[in-house]
């Protein structure tokens, strides 16, 4: 099979996976909203009966449940909100602390599908790298902002067990299958839009920076 065909199949699989993650996130949110009125009635009944300790305990449980589903980060761009939300929910489940700064124009010259592939691939790689580390050493930093009205700047930094080995213009992927295709796919899409990409590996961290013209 030609490499282009492999990339097309990989991207289709990636988008299908992203769609499942997003649907799962919104399904949890819809379920929580459905239960909202029942929660209020239960709290009201406990307070009417003077059971303040039980009410506080129930309220804490509701708050924890809400934190588990309220992962939608509002950037200003619907597609970026969806992909970030699904990945942040996954990071929370894997106990990977995430620091996010993101503000994205609602309309971009980059197609929604291509932007989803770029962000999704880079975050999947970051999550994969964190999975190999003890929980106390995991972290992901996400920074996506427009710069000077001329380009969109994306920077992803994740915890890394050590400095990665460089091969030519790239780095060896720790993923046994798909990692190379994912990185290659990101490179080609950045090139497609006349953008710029750099990767840097240091002890304890790995950073990818992407610049896409606006």
Protein backbone atom coordinates (compact mmCIF):
# COMPACT_ATOMS: atom_id res chain seq x y z
CA UNK A 1 0.00 0.00 0.00
CA UNK A 2 1.28 3.45 -0.92
CA UNK A 3 2.22 5.80 1.90
CA UNK A 4 -0.44 8.33 0.84
CA UNK A 5 -3.08 5.60 1.07
CA UNK A 6 -1.83 4.60 4.51
CA UNK A 7 -2.01 8.24 5.62
CA UNK A 8 -5.58 8.56 4.29
CA UNK A 9 -6.66 5.44 6.18
CA UNK A 10 -4.88 6.61 9.34
CA UNK A 11 -6.52 10.06 9.18
CA UNK A 12 -9.97 8.51 8.65
CA UNK A 13 -9.40 6.25 11.67
CA UNK A 14 -8.19 9.21 13.73
CA UNK A 15 -11.26 11.31 12.88
CA UNK A 16 -13.55 8.39 13.74
CA UNK A 17 -11.81 8.03 17.10
CA UNK A 18 -12.06 11.78 17.77
CA UNK A 19 -15.75 11.70 16.91
CA UNK A 20 -16.31 8.88 19.43
CA UNK A 21 -14.44 10.82 22.14
CA UNK A 22 -16.46 13.97 21.51
CA UNK A 23 -19.77 12.08 21.45
CA UNK A 24 -18.86 10.32 24.71
CA UNK A 25 -18.10 13.66 26.37
CA UNK A 26 -21.38 15.25 25.26
CA UNK A 27 -23.35 12.13 26.18
CA UNK A 28 -22.05 12.44 29.76
CA UNK A 29 -22.97 16.13 29.82
CA UNK A 30 -26.49 15.44 28.54
CA UNK A 31 -26.95 12.72 31.18
CA UNK A 32 -25.83 15.09 33.94
CA UNK A 33 -28.25 17.80 32.78
CA UNK A 34 -31.03 15.21 32.72
CA UNK A 35 -30.33 14.40 36.38
CA UNK A 36 -29.96 18.04 37.43
CA UNK A 37 -33.55 18.53 38.61
CA UNK A 38 -33.46 15.28 40.60
CA UNK A 39 -30.30 16.51 42.34
CA UNK A 40 -31.98 19.80 43.27
CA UNK A 41 -35.03 17.98 44.66
CA UNK A 42 -32.85 15.67 46.73
CA UNK A 43 -30.88 18.58 48.17
CA UNK A 44 -34.09 20.47 48.95
CA UNK A 45 -35.56 17.45 50.74
CA UNK A 46 -32.41 16.95 52.83
CA UNK A 47 -32.37 20.63 53.86
CA UNK A 48 -36.10 20.60 54.69
CA UNK A 49 -35.44 17.68 57.02
CA UNK A 50 -32.53 19.52 58.63
CA UNK A 51 -29.99 16.98 57.38
CA UNK A 52 -27.29 19.54 56.60
CA UNK A 53 -24.39 17.08 56.89
CA UNK A 54 -26.01 14.75 54.37
CA UNK A 55 -26.79 17.70 52.10
CA UNK A 56 -23.15 18.87 52.16
CA UNK A 57 -21.95 15.35 51.38
CA UNK A 58 -24.41 15.05 48.49
CA UNK A 59 -23.39 18.46 47.17
CA UNK A 60 -19.72 17.45 47.19
CA UNK A 61 -20.57 14.32 45.19
CA UNK A 62 -22.51 16.39 42.65
CA UNK A 63 -19.56 18.77 42.32
CA UNK A 64 -17.18 15.87 41.64
CA UNK A 65 -19.55 14.47 39.03
CA UNK A 66 -19.79 17.86 37.35
CA UNK A 67 -16.01 18.24 37.24
CA UNK A 68 -15.77 14.87 35.51
CA UNK A 69 -17.96 16.00 32.60
CA UNK A 70 -17.39 19.77 32.39
CA UNK A 71 -14.28 19.57 30.21
CA UNK A 72 -15.39 21.90 27.43
CA UNK A 73 -12.76 24.60 27.08
CA UNK A 74 -14.27 27.56 25.26
CA UNK A 75 -11.73 28.93 22.81
CA UNK A 76 -14.09 30.76 20.47
CA UNK A 77 -13.87 28.04 17.81
CA UNK A 78 -16.38 25.18 17.91
CA UNK A 79 -14.10 22.53 16.40
CA UNK A 80 -11.20 23.37 18.71
CA UNK A 81 -13.58 23.38 21.69
CA UNK A 82 -14.75 19.87 20.78
CA UNK A 83 -11.32 18.32 20.26
CA UNK A 84 -9.82 20.02 23.33
CA UNK A 85 -12.80 19.00 25.44
CA UNK A 86 -12.50 15.35 24.50
CA UNK A 87 -8.74 15.27 25.09
CA UNK A 88 -8.99 17.13 28.42
CA UNK A 89 -11.59 14.59 29.58
CA UNK A 90 -9.22 11.79 28.58
CA UNK A 91 -6.32 13.47 30.43
CA UNK A 92 -8.45 13.84 33.56
CA UNK A 93 -9.32 10.14 33.43
CA UNK A 94 -5.63 9.27 33.06
CA UNK A 95 -4.64 11.68 35.89
CA UNK A 96 -2.58 13.90 33.60
CA UNK A 97 -2.58 17.55 34.79
CA UNK A 98 -3.27 19.97 31.94
CA UNK A 99 -2.57 23.69 31.78
CA UNK A 100 -4.53 25.31 28.93
CA UNK A 101 -4.46 28.75 27.35
CA UNK A 102 -6.42 28.90 24.11
CA UNK A 103 -8.21 31.58 22.11
CA UNK A 104 -9.02 30.73 18.50
CA UNK A 105 -10.85 32.78 15.84
CA UNK A 106 -14.25 31.27 14.95
CA UNK A 107 -13.31 31.14 11.27
CA UNK A 108 -9.95 29.94 9.96
CA UNK A 109 -8.39 29.26 6.56
CA UNK A 110 -7.45 25.82 7.91
CA UNK A 111 -10.25 23.28 7.44
CA UNK A 112 -11.93 21.91 10.58
CA UNK A 113 -10.87 18.37 9.69
CA UNK A 114 -7.21 19.32 9.14
CA UNK A 115 -7.06 21.38 12.35
CA UNK A 116 -8.62 18.51 14.27
CA UNK A 117 -6.01 16.11 12.88
CA UNK A 118 -3.15 18.44 13.84
CA UNK A 119 -4.34 19.12 17.39
CA UNK A 120 -5.63 15.58 17.97
CA UNK A 121 -2.41 13.94 16.83
CA UNK A 122 -0.18 16.18 18.92
CA UNK A 123 -2.30 15.71 22.04
CA UNK A 124 -2.54 11.94 21.50
CA UNK A 125 1.26 11.81 21.38
CA UNK A 126 1.48 13.94 24.53
CA UNK A 127 -0.95 11.66 26.38
CA UNK A 128 0.89 8.56 25.17
CA UNK A 129 4.19 9.95 26.48
CA UNK A 130 2.65 10.76 29.87
CA UNK A 131 1.22 7.25 30.22
CA UNK A 132 4.79 5.92 30.36
CA UNK A 133 5.61 8.06 33.40
CA UNK A 134 4.66 7.94 37.09
CA UNK A 135 1.55 10.01 37.82
CA UNK A 136 3.47 12.62 39.80
CA UNK A 137 5.68 13.42 36.79
CA UNK A 138 2.93 13.79 34.18
CA UNK A 139 1.89 17.12 32.69
CA UNK A 140 0.66 18.65 29.44
CA UNK A 141 0.73 22.36 28.58
CA UNK A 142 -1.41 23.66 25.72
CA UNK A 143 -1.07 27.15 24.29
CA UNK A 144 -3.07 28.20 21.20
CA UNK A 145 -3.44 31.90 20.33
CA UNK A 146 -3.53 34.18 17.27
CA UNK A 147 -0.42 36.33 16.88
CA UNK A 148 -0.50 39.84 15.36
CA UNK A 149 -3.58 38.86 13.34
CA UNK A 150 -1.33 37.10 10.82
CA UNK A 151 -0.90 33.57 12.17
CA UNK A 152 -2.19 31.02 14.66
CA UNK A 153 0.45 29.85 17.13
CA UNK A 154 0.12 26.39 18.70
CA UNK A 155 2.50 25.07 21.35
CA UNK A 156 2.19 21.69 23.06
CA UNK A 157 4.59 20.61 25.81
CA UNK A 158 4.37 17.30 27.62
CA UNK A 159 6.34 15.44 30.23
CA UNK A 160 8.99 13.14 28.84
CA UNK A 161 11.10 10.53 30.55
CA UNK A 162 14.27 11.76 28.86
CA UNK A 163 15.66 13.39 25.78
CA UNK A 164 14.33 11.72 22.64
CA UNK A 165 16.64 10.40 19.98
CA UNK A 166 16.60 12.50 16.82
CA UNK A 167 16.42 10.85 13.41
CA UNK A 168 17.10 13.19 10.50
CA UNK A 169 14.59 16.03 10.83
CA UNK A 170 12.35 14.25 13.34
CA UNK A 171 12.32 12.18 16.52
CA UNK A 172 11.71 8.51 17.16
CA UNK A 173 8.14 7.81 18.26
CA UNK A 174 7.53 5.70 21.37
CA UNK A 175 4.34 4.33 19.79
CA UNK A 176 4.71 0.94 18.20
CA UNK A 177 2.03 1.57 15.59
CA UNK A 178 0.69 4.78 14.12
CA UNK A 179 3.06 7.20 15.84
CA UNK A 180 5.18 7.73 12.74
CA UNK A 181 2.11 8.14 10.55
CA UNK A 182 0.65 10.68 12.98
CA UNK A 183 3.76 12.84 13.01
CA UNK A 184 4.13 12.57 9.23
CA UNK A 185 0.48 13.57 8.82
CA UNK A 186 0.93 16.67 10.98
CA UNK A 187 4.06 17.65 9.06
CA UNK A 188 2.28 17.37 5.71
CA UNK A 189 -0.74 19.39 6.85
CA UNK A 190 1.44 22.19 8.23
CA UNK A 191 3.30 22.21 4.92
CA UNK A 192 -0.01 22.21 3.02
CA UNK A 193 -0.99 25.54 4.62
CA UNK A 194 2.44 27.12 4.27
CA UNK A 195 3.03 26.89 8.00
CA UNK A 196 6.05 26.19 10.17
CA UNK A 197 6.73 23.43 12.67
CA UNK A 198 9.51 22.77 15.18
CA UNK A 199 10.06 20.05 17.75
CA UNK A 200 12.42 20.18 20.71
CA UNK A 201 13.30 17.46 23.19
CA UNK A 202 14.90 18.11 26.57
CA UNK A 203 15.25 16.02 29.70
CA UNK A 204 11.81 16.03 31.28
CA UNK A 205 9.88 17.64 28.44
CA UNK A 206 9.02 17.54 24.75
CA UNK A 207 7.67 20.57 22.87
CA UNK A 208 6.04 20.95 19.47
CA UNK A 209 5.39 24.43 18.05
CA UNK A 210 3.22 25.05 15.01
CA UNK A 211 2.60 28.32 13.14
CA UNK A 212 -0.31 28.44 10.68
CA UNK A 213 -0.92 31.55 8.53
CA UNK A 214 -4.24 33.35 9.00
